[in-house]
Amino acid sequence: MSYSRWGGSVWYSFYNCSSGDTRDTQVLSLWYSMEYTIDWLYEDLDDVTAADIVEMYKCTAAEADEAMEIIGWFMADVEEDYPDAMQILDKIDKIGEPR
């Protein structure tokens, strides 16, 4: 799935099909130009800040803010596709609750 494409954005970003089988091994391709084609693992994005993006990609703060929004979309998609154990337990608990 693509989150942004060049033309409407400085970023070309997509949920990479080379992702692994677990939440932490899901891959976001977040490309700023052909010089900065960086692929990120889900587990590495948890602590990334806009300042980190500016430093890694040599982009502007506004462009980094857009990248952070893309990262948020990706992480939400991964969390939906790969719920953690607590989310699964919550769903199981709700099955037995009266309606």
Protein backbone atom coordinates (compact mmCIF):
# COMPACT_ATOMS: atom_id res chain seq x y z
CA MET A 1 0.00 0.00 0.00
CA SER A 2 1.28 3.44 -0.89
CA TYR A 3 1.06 6.29 1.62
CA SER A 4 2.49 8.99 -0.65
CA ARG A 5 3.97 9.35 -4.11
CA TRP A 6 6.33 11.81 -5.71
CA GLY A 7 4.40 14.50 -7.51
CA GLY A 8 1.99 15.22 -4.66
CA SER A 9 4.67 14.89 -2.00
CA VAL A 10 8.44 14.96 -1.54
CA TRP A 11 8.05 11.45 -0.10
CA TYR A 12 7.50 8.16 -1.87
CA SER A 13 6.36 5.81 0.84
CA PHE A 14 4.79 2.38 0.94
CA TYR A 15 4.22 -0.73 3.04
CA ASN A 16 6.94 -2.94 1.61
CA CYS A 17 6.00 -6.42 0.40
CA SER A 18 9.36 -7.75 1.62
CA SER A 19 8.11 -7.48 5.21
CA GLY A 20 8.53 -10.45 7.53
CA ASP A 21 5.99 -12.48 9.45
CA THR A 22 5.84 -10.49 12.70
CA ARG A 23 4.86 -6.98 13.73
CA ASP A 24 8.47 -5.93 14.34
CA THR A 25 9.63 -7.10 10.90
CA GLN A 26 7.10 -5.10 8.89
CA VAL A 27 8.87 -2.66 6.55
CA LEU A 28 8.03 0.93 5.65
CA SER A 29 9.87 2.21 2.59
CA LEU A 30 10.21 5.95 3.17
CA TRP A 31 12.06 7.52 0.26
CA TYR A 32 12.97 11.19 0.03
CA SER A 33 14.82 11.00 -3.26
CA MET A 34 16.74 8.34 -5.08
CA GLU A 35 19.63 9.30 -2.81
CA TYR A 36 17.64 8.59 0.36
CA THR A 37 15.75 5.32 -0.19
CA ILE A 38 15.57 4.14 3.39
CA ASP A 39 13.56 1.12 4.51
CA TRP A 40 12.50 1.07 8.17
CA LEU A 41 11.48 -1.86 10.34
CA TYR A 42 8.40 -1.27 12.48
CA GLU A 43 10.44 -1.92 15.64
CA ASP A 44 12.88 0.86 14.70
CA LEU A 45 10.18 3.50 14.19
CA ASP A 46 8.89 3.58 17.75
CA ASP A 47 11.43 6.14 18.94
CA VAL A 48 11.97 8.11 15.72
CA THR A 49 11.42 11.86 15.97
CA ALA A 50 11.04 14.59 13.36
CA ALA A 51 14.55 15.75 14.31
CA ASP A 52 15.87 12.26 13.47
CA ILE A 53 14.17 12.45 10.07
CA VAL A 54 15.69 15.88 9.33
CA GLU A 55 19.13 14.55 10.21
CA MET A 56 18.85 11.29 8.24
CA TYR A 57 17.23 12.67 5.10
CA LYS A 58 18.57 16.25 5.11
CA CYS A 59 15.01 17.50 4.66
CA THR A 60 13.13 20.48 6.07
CA ALA A 61 11.22 20.42 9.34
CA ALA A 62 7.90 20.64 7.45
CA GLU A 63 8.92 17.67 5.29
CA ALA A 64 9.91 15.75 8.41
CA ASP A 65 6.49 16.48 9.92
CA GLU A 66 4.88 14.96 6.81
CA ALA A 67 7.16 11.91 7.18
CA MET A 68 6.07 11.54 10.81
CA GLU A 69 2.44 11.53 9.69
CA ILE A 70 3.25 8.78 7.17
CA ILE A 71 5.05 6.81 9.89
CA GLY A 72 1.95 7.12 12.07
CA TRP A 73 -0.29 5.75 9.29
CA PHE A 74 2.08 2.83 8.73
CA MET A 75 2.32 1.99 12.42
CA ALA A 76 -1.47 2.08 12.78
CA ASP A 77 -1.83 -0.30 9.83
CA VAL A 78 0.75 -2.69 11.29
CA GLU A 79 -0.91 -2.62 14.70
CA GLU A 80 -4.25 -3.43 13.08
CA ASP A 81 -2.74 -6.31 11.09
CA TYR A 82 -0.63 -7.61 14.00
CA PRO A 83 -2.43 -6.96 17.29
CA ASP A 84 -0.34 -7.39 20.42
CA ALA A 85 -1.15 -9.96 23.09
CA MET A 86 -3.02 -7.46 25.30
CA GLN A 87 -5.37 -6.50 22.46
CA ILE A 88 -6.10 -10.17 21.80
CA LEU A 89 -6.77 -10.85 25.49
CA ASP A 90 -9.10 -7.83 25.66
CA LYS A 91 -11.10 -9.20 22.72
CA ILE A 92 -11.31 -12.62 24.34
CA ASP A 93 -12.49 -11.06 27.62
CA LYS A 94 -15.22 -9.12 25.80
CA ILE A 95 -16.60 -12.30 24.25
CA GLY A 96 -17.80 -13.47 27.67
CA GLU A 97 -19.29 -10.10 28.73
CA PRO A 98 -23.07 -9.74 28.77
CA ARG A 99 -24.50 -7.52 26.06
